[in-house]
Amino acid sequence: MAGPAEHGKQETLAVRRADGESRTLAASLPRLVLEARRIAANVIHGLHGRRRAGSGENFWQYRRFASGEPSQNVDWRRSARDDHLYVREHEWEAAHTVWLWPDRSLSMAFASKTARDSKLERALIVSFALAELLVAGGERVGIPGLLNPSSSRNILDKMAQAILHDTTQRASLPPSFVPTALSEILVLSDFWSPIGEIRTMLGGLSASGAHGVLLQVVDPAEETFPYSGRVEFVEPEGGEVITAGRAETWASDYVARVALHRDQISAETNRLGWMFSTHTTSRSAAELLLFLHGAMTVSKSSTGVKAGLGA
């Protein structure tokens, strides 16, 4: 089992590798995809105007105050009319924000022999490449608690440096924060956290009306449980050790538990209008990037588990 110091080295190497590989990955995608997205965005803006909440000067709408927001955001004159607190939003006059959260906890360092990358490497590579594509398309990208939203052309470098200099504990799920109502959020994680923690995270992120995608990144061995004989399993974050005398007899129960966990996550995302899908690290990173690039466009209007990306 790798300790915190060893994991720190693995993360540094993964960030550096992801920095280089994500540039190649982003550049390798058909430029027609990006151009089509840019044209579609221009058409939508031309037809409907740039009616999104943001940093503009023109009043757009009132929305309910969300728990956790600064109290100075409250419009007290409007709030005095009834029993609810309201925030005055202004018309969007620039890019909207996409929040990316690549899980960098200890469990993400796992990689079996059949994986192309560790889960950590895959999450970082795809996050970096997606950020570069989104910024090129006019979006702002940020990392909750780590990097403020930016539309800088060197967003990839900003993300890599922010991660490399992060001294906080590596949490599996993003920190509690209040995104704007029209923000989009992508969480890439193995999502082996208890369903209660995932439910709490989703409730907090969606309280203001924001939508997004939960993408479960798993190793092939975590899908199929290809173990037999006497095997010692070490929990990477808690350090607990479980020994199986005949590991093959655990396979069916394991697969059932994984299916139940995913069903529970799916039920939560369905209820809130989010998307949920899975990706196995034996598959192509380009495939995942193309899926996410499209998913960030439709996540506000779609619900349920998205087929076609699963293990």
Protein backbone atom coordinates (compact mmCIF):
# COMPACT_ATOMS: atom_id res chain seq x y z
CA MET A 1 0.00 0.00 0.00
CA ALA A 2 1.41 3.37 -1.02
CA GLY A 3 1.65 5.99 1.72
CA PRO A 4 0.93 9.72 1.37
CA ALA A 5 4.51 10.53 0.28
CA GLU A 6 4.52 7.85 -2.41
CA HIS A 7 1.08 8.90 -3.56
CA GLY A 8 2.37 12.49 -3.83
CA LYS A 9 5.10 11.31 -6.19
CA GLN A 10 2.59 9.30 -8.23
CA GLU A 11 0.34 12.32 -8.49
CA THR A 12 3.18 14.58 -9.62
CA LEU A 13 4.17 12.10 -12.32
CA ALA A 14 0.54 11.70 -13.35
CA VAL A 15 0.05 15.46 -13.64
CA ARG A 16 3.17 15.85 -15.76
CA ARG A 17 2.20 12.97 -18.01
CA ALA A 18 -1.36 14.21 -18.26
CA ASP A 19 -0.11 17.69 -19.14
CA GLY A 20 1.68 16.37 -22.21
CA GLU A 21 -0.78 13.68 -23.25
CA SER A 22 -3.85 15.88 -22.92
CA ARG A 23 -2.37 18.42 -25.33
CA THR A 24 -1.90 15.66 -27.89
CA LEU A 25 -5.35 14.27 -27.21
CA ALA A 26 -7.10 17.62 -27.57
CA ALA A 27 -5.19 18.42 -30.75
CA SER A 28 -6.02 15.03 -32.26
CA LEU A 29 -9.79 15.53 -32.12
CA PRO A 30 -11.46 16.52 -35.38
CA ARG A 31 -11.57 20.30 -35.49
CA LEU A 32 -14.99 20.00 -37.10
CA VAL A 33 -16.40 18.97 -33.72
CA LEU A 34 -15.18 22.16 -32.08
CA GLU A 35 -16.22 24.31 -35.03
CA ALA A 36 -19.71 22.77 -35.07
CA ARG A 37 -20.08 23.48 -31.37
CA ARG A 38 -18.97 27.09 -31.84
CA ILE A 39 -21.38 27.62 -34.72
CA ALA A 40 -24.26 26.06 -32.78
CA ALA A 41 -23.53 28.31 -29.81
CA ASN A 42 -23.52 31.39 -32.05
CA VAL A 43 -26.85 30.39 -33.59
CA ILE A 44 -28.44 29.83 -30.18
CA HIS A 45 -27.15 33.19 -28.91
CA GLY A 46 -28.39 34.92 -32.04
CA LEU A 47 -31.87 33.49 -31.70
CA HIS A 48 -32.36 33.85 -27.97
CA GLY A 49 -29.93 36.50 -26.89
CA ARG A 50 -27.29 35.95 -24.24
CA ARG A 51 -29.80 35.34 -21.49
CA ARG A 52 -27.68 33.76 -18.81
CA ALA A 53 -26.89 34.82 -15.29
CA GLY A 54 -23.42 36.22 -14.82
CA SER A 55 -21.34 39.33 -14.35
CA GLY A 56 -23.29 41.67 -16.66
CA GLU A 57 -24.92 44.95 -15.67
CA ASN A 58 -28.51 44.39 -16.87
CA PHE A 59 -31.05 42.83 -14.53
CA TRP A 60 -32.18 39.37 -15.62
CA GLN A 61 -34.18 37.64 -12.87
CA TYR A 62 -34.56 36.87 -9.19
CA ARG A 63 -33.76 33.43 -7.87
CA ARG A 64 -34.04 31.79 -4.47
CA PHE A 65 -31.12 32.33 -2.10
CA ALA A 66 -29.12 29.10 -1.69
CA SER A 67 -27.77 27.94 1.65
CA GLY A 68 -24.05 28.66 1.87
CA GLU A 69 -24.09 31.82 -0.25
CA PRO A 70 -22.76 35.10 1.23
CA SER A 71 -25.58 37.05 2.89
CA GLN A 72 -24.64 40.18 0.94
CA ASN A 73 -26.04 38.49 -2.17
CA VAL A 74 -29.58 38.78 -0.79
CA ASP A 75 -31.83 41.40 -2.36
CA TRP A 76 -33.62 42.47 0.81
CA ARG A 77 -36.19 44.69 -0.94
CA ARG A 78 -37.44 41.79 -3.07
CA SER A 79 -37.17 39.32 -0.16
CA ALA A 80 -39.40 41.54 2.01
CA ARG A 81 -42.38 40.78 -0.25
CA ASP A 82 -42.79 37.18 0.97
CA ASP A 83 -41.27 34.54 3.22
CA HIS A 84 -38.31 33.64 1.00
CA LEU A 85 -34.88 35.16 0.41
CA TYR A 86 -33.98 36.14 -3.16
CA VAL A 87 -30.82 37.00 -5.07
CA ARG A 88 -30.83 39.50 -7.92
CA GLU A 89 -29.15 38.01 -11.01
CA HIS A 90 -27.76 39.94 -13.94
CA GLU A 91 -27.66 39.08 -17.62
CA TRP A 92 -24.79 36.90 -18.74
CA GLU A 93 -22.37 38.93 -20.87
CA ALA A 94 -19.44 36.56 -21.28
CA ALA A 95 -18.70 32.84 -21.07
CA HIS A 96 -20.46 30.66 -18.53
CA THR A 97 -18.57 28.44 -16.13
CA VAL A 98 -17.78 24.74 -16.27
CA TRP A 99 -16.45 23.32 -13.01
CA LEU A 100 -14.22 20.25 -13.34
CA TRP A 101 -13.35 17.97 -10.43
CA PRO A 102 -10.85 15.16 -11.10
CA ASP A 103 -10.71 12.91 -8.03
CA ARG A 104 -7.09 12.70 -6.80
CA SER A 105 -7.62 10.57 -3.71
CA LEU A 106 -5.47 7.53 -2.95
CA SER A 107 -7.87 5.02 -4.51
CA MET A 108 -7.45 6.69 -7.91
CA ALA A 109 -3.80 5.59 -8.17
CA PHE A 110 -4.85 1.97 -8.74
CA ALA A 111 -4.03 0.38 -12.11
CA SER A 112 -4.25 -3.29 -13.05
CA LYS A 113 -2.28 -4.95 -15.85
CA THR A 114 -5.06 -4.50 -18.40
CA ALA A 115 -5.49 -0.76 -17.82
CA ARG A 116 -4.04 1.81 -20.20
CA ASP A 117 -3.68 4.36 -17.40
CA SER A 118 -4.30 4.56 -13.70
CA LYS A 119 -7.65 6.04 -12.79
CA LEU A 120 -5.80 9.17 -11.61
CA GLU A 121 -3.95 9.58 -14.91
CA ARG A 122 -7.11 9.07 -16.94
CA ALA A 123 -9.10 11.60 -14.89
CA LEU A 124 -6.36 14.21 -15.19
CA ILE A 125 -5.67 13.67 -18.89
CA VAL A 126 -9.34 13.98 -19.81
CA SER A 127 -9.95 16.95 -17.46
CA PHE A 128 -7.01 18.85 -18.95
CA ALA A 129 -7.98 18.10 -22.54
CA LEU A 130 -11.64 18.95 -21.95
CA ALA A 131 -10.66 22.24 -20.30
CA GLU A 132 -8.57 23.17 -23.32
CA LEU A 133 -11.43 22.39 -25.69
CA LEU A 134 -13.98 24.27 -23.58
CA VAL A 135 -11.81 27.38 -23.32
CA ALA A 136 -11.18 27.27 -27.05
CA GLY A 137 -14.96 27.23 -27.47
CA GLY A 138 -15.39 30.35 -25.30
CA GLU A 139 -16.11 28.80 -21.90
CA ARG A 140 -14.63 29.50 -18.49
CA VAL A 141 -13.23 26.54 -16.54
CA GLY A 142 -12.46 26.21 -12.85
CA ILE A 143 -11.66 23.60 -10.20
CA PRO A 144 -13.77 23.90 -7.02
CA GLY A 145 -11.70 25.11 -4.10
CA LEU A 146 -8.51 25.13 -6.18
CA LEU A 147 -8.76 27.29 -9.30
CA ASN A 148 -11.08 30.22 -9.97
CA PRO A 149 -12.92 30.08 -13.31
CA SER A 150 -10.70 31.20 -16.15
CA SER A 151 -10.90 31.51 -19.91
CA SER A 152 -7.13 31.85 -20.23
CA ARG A 153 -5.58 30.19 -23.25
CA ASN A 154 -3.05 28.56 -20.93
CA ILE A 155 -5.82 27.01 -18.81
CA LEU A 156 -4.08 23.63 -18.96
CA ASP A 157 -0.94 25.06 -17.36
CA LYS A 158 -3.00 26.85 -14.71
CA MET A 159 -4.80 23.64 -13.81
CA ALA A 160 -1.60 21.60 -13.67
CA GLN A 161 0.17 24.16 -11.49
CA ALA A 162 -2.82 24.49 -9.16
CA ILE A 163 -2.90 20.74 -8.64
CA LEU A 164 0.86 20.40 -8.22
CA HIS A 165 0.91 23.09 -5.52
CA ASP A 166 -2.20 21.90 -3.70
CA THR A 167 -1.34 21.10 -0.09
CA THR A 168 -4.83 20.13 1.05
CA GLN A 169 -6.02 16.60 1.77
CA ARG A 170 -6.93 14.67 -1.38
CA ALA A 171 -10.69 14.37 -1.11
CA SER A 172 -12.68 11.95 -3.26
CA LEU A 173 -15.56 14.38 -3.78
CA PRO A 174 -15.52 18.12 -4.49
CA PRO A 175 -15.72 20.56 -1.58
CA SER A 176 -19.01 22.22 -0.70
CA PHE A 177 -19.56 25.35 -2.78
CA VAL A 178 -22.48 27.17 -4.42
CA PRO A 179 -22.22 27.26 -8.22
CA THR A 180 -24.39 29.67 -10.17
CA ALA A 181 -27.68 28.31 -11.46
CA LEU A 182 -26.43 27.91 -15.02
CA SER A 183 -23.02 26.47 -14.19
CA GLU A 184 -22.15 23.01 -15.45
CA ILE A 185 -20.23 20.59 -13.24
CA LEU A 186 -18.24 17.50 -14.12
CA VAL A 187 -17.05 15.18 -11.37
CA LEU A 188 -14.65 12.42 -12.46
CA SER A 189 -14.18 9.90 -9.67
CA ASP A 190 -14.31 6.18 -9.00
CA PHE A 191 -17.29 7.01 -6.74
CA TRP A 192 -16.54 4.26 -4.25
CA SER A 193 -17.61 6.72 -1.55
CA PRO A 194 -20.68 5.79 0.54
CA ILE A 195 -23.93 6.66 -1.22
CA GLY A 196 -24.82 9.02 1.63
CA GLU A 197 -21.77 11.18 0.89
CA ILE A 198 -22.55 11.19 -2.83
CA ARG A 199 -26.16 12.13 -2.11
CA THR A 200 -25.06 15.01 0.11
CA MET A 201 -22.60 16.25 -2.52
CA LEU A 202 -25.24 16.19 -5.25
CA GLY A 203 -27.79 17.93 -3.07
CA GLY A 204 -25.39 20.76 -2.33
CA LEU A 205 -24.22 21.26 -5.90
CA SER A 206 -27.73 21.21 -7.36
CA ALA A 207 -29.35 23.43 -4.71
CA SER A 208 -28.87 26.56 -6.81
CA GLY A 209 -30.17 24.90 -9.97
CA ALA A 210 -26.81 23.89 -11.46
CA HIS A 211 -26.59 20.66 -13.47
CA GLY A 212 -23.78 18.37 -14.43
CA VAL A 213 -22.30 14.96 -15.03
CA LEU A 214 -20.98 12.30 -12.67
CA LEU A 215 -18.46 10.16 -14.53
CA GLN A 216 -17.31 7.01 -12.75
CA VAL A 217 -13.76 6.10 -13.79
CA VAL A 218 -12.93 2.49 -12.92
CA ASP A 219 -10.18 -0.01 -13.57
CA PRO A 220 -11.05 -3.19 -15.54
CA ALA A 221 -10.33 -5.27 -12.46
CA GLU A 222 -12.92 -3.27 -10.53
CA GLU A 223 -15.49 -4.21 -13.15
CA THR A 224 -14.86 -7.95 -13.44
CA PHE A 225 -13.20 -8.93 -10.13
CA PRO A 226 -10.72 -11.31 -11.85
CA TYR A 227 -9.27 -12.75 -8.65
CA SER A 228 -8.98 -16.33 -7.47
CA GLY A 229 -7.32 -18.22 -4.66
CA ARG A 230 -6.01 -16.52 -1.55
CA VAL A 231 -5.90 -12.74 -2.09
CA GLU A 232 -5.20 -9.92 0.34
CA PHE A 233 -7.15 -6.74 -0.40
CA VAL A 234 -5.88 -3.45 1.08
CA GLU A 235 -8.20 -0.45 1.29
CA PRO A 236 -5.99 2.40 -0.06
CA GLU A 237 -7.49 5.24 1.96
CA GLY A 238 -8.39 3.58 5.25
CA GLY A 239 -5.64 0.96 5.29
CA GLU A 240 -7.99 -1.88 6.23
CA VAL A 241 -6.95 -5.36 5.09
CA ILE A 242 -9.34 -8.12 4.05
CA THR A 243 -8.09 -11.60 3.16
CA ALA A 244 -10.09 -13.87 0.86
CA GLY A 245 -9.33 -17.58 1.05
CA ARG A 246 -11.08 -18.28 -2.27
CA ALA A 247 -11.53 -14.92 -3.93
CA GLU A 248 -13.42 -16.35 -6.90
CA THR A 249 -16.37 -17.12 -4.62
CA TRP A 250 -16.74 -13.40 -3.92
CA ALA A 251 -17.19 -12.38 -7.55
CA SER A 252 -20.97 -12.62 -7.87
CA ASP A 253 -21.61 -10.77 -4.61
CA TYR A 254 -19.09 -8.11 -5.61
CA VAL A 255 -20.69 -7.52 -9.02
CA ALA A 256 -24.12 -7.30 -7.37
CA ARG A 257 -22.88 -4.74 -4.85
CA VAL A 258 -21.35 -2.61 -7.61
CA ALA A 259 -24.59 -2.76 -9.61
CA LEU A 260 -26.61 -1.72 -6.55
CA HIS A 261 -24.24 1.19 -5.83
CA ARG A 262 -24.56 2.42 -9.40
CA ASP A 263 -28.32 2.09 -9.30
CA GLN A 264 -28.36 4.26 -6.19
CA ILE A 265 -26.19 6.92 -7.83
CA SER A 266 -28.34 6.79 -10.94
CA ALA A 267 -31.50 7.27 -8.88
CA GLU A 268 -30.04 10.44 -7.38
CA THR A 269 -28.87 11.87 -10.70
CA ASN A 270 -32.21 11.05 -12.33
CA ARG A 271 -34.06 12.82 -9.56
CA LEU A 272 -31.97 15.98 -9.92
CA GLY A 273 -31.71 16.05 -13.70
CA TRP A 274 -27.99 15.21 -13.79
CA MET A 275 -26.21 12.61 -15.94
CA PHE A 276 -24.32 9.54 -14.78
CA SER A 277 -22.08 7.23 -16.77
CA THR A 278 -19.11 4.91 -16.31
CA HIS A 279 -15.77 4.63 -18.08
CA THR A 280 -13.19 1.86 -17.84
CA THR A 281 -9.50 2.71 -18.15
CA SER A 282 -8.93 -0.11 -20.65
CA ARG A 283 -10.86 2.01 -23.14
CA SER A 284 -9.74 5.05 -25.12
CA ALA A 285 -9.31 8.43 -23.46
CA ALA A 286 -10.33 10.06 -26.75
CA GLU A 287 -13.65 8.19 -26.61
CA LEU A 288 -14.31 9.57 -23.14
CA LEU A 289 -13.29 13.09 -24.15
CA LEU A 290 -15.66 13.11 -27.12
CA PHE A 291 -18.51 11.87 -24.91
CA LEU A 292 -17.91 14.49 -22.23
CA HIS A 293 -17.47 17.28 -24.75
CA GLY A 294 -20.97 16.53 -26.00
CA ALA A 295 -22.42 15.77 -22.57
CA MET A 296 -21.50 19.20 -21.18
CA THR A 297 -23.76 20.69 -23.85
CA VAL A 298 -26.84 18.57 -23.15
CA SER A 299 -26.53 17.92 -19.40
CA LYS A 300 -29.06 20.63 -18.52
CA SER A 301 -31.83 19.02 -20.55
CA SER A 302 -31.06 15.29 -20.20
CA THR A 303 -31.45 12.87 -17.33
CA GLY A 304 -30.44 9.35 -16.54
CA VAL A 305 -27.52 7.08 -17.22
CA LYS A 306 -25.98 7.62 -20.62
CA ALA A 307 -25.40 4.41 -22.51
CA GLY A 308 -22.51 3.79 -24.83
CA LEU A 309 -19.69 4.69 -22.48
CA GLY A 310 -20.00 1.92 -19.96
CA ALA A 311 -17.54 -0.85 -19.28
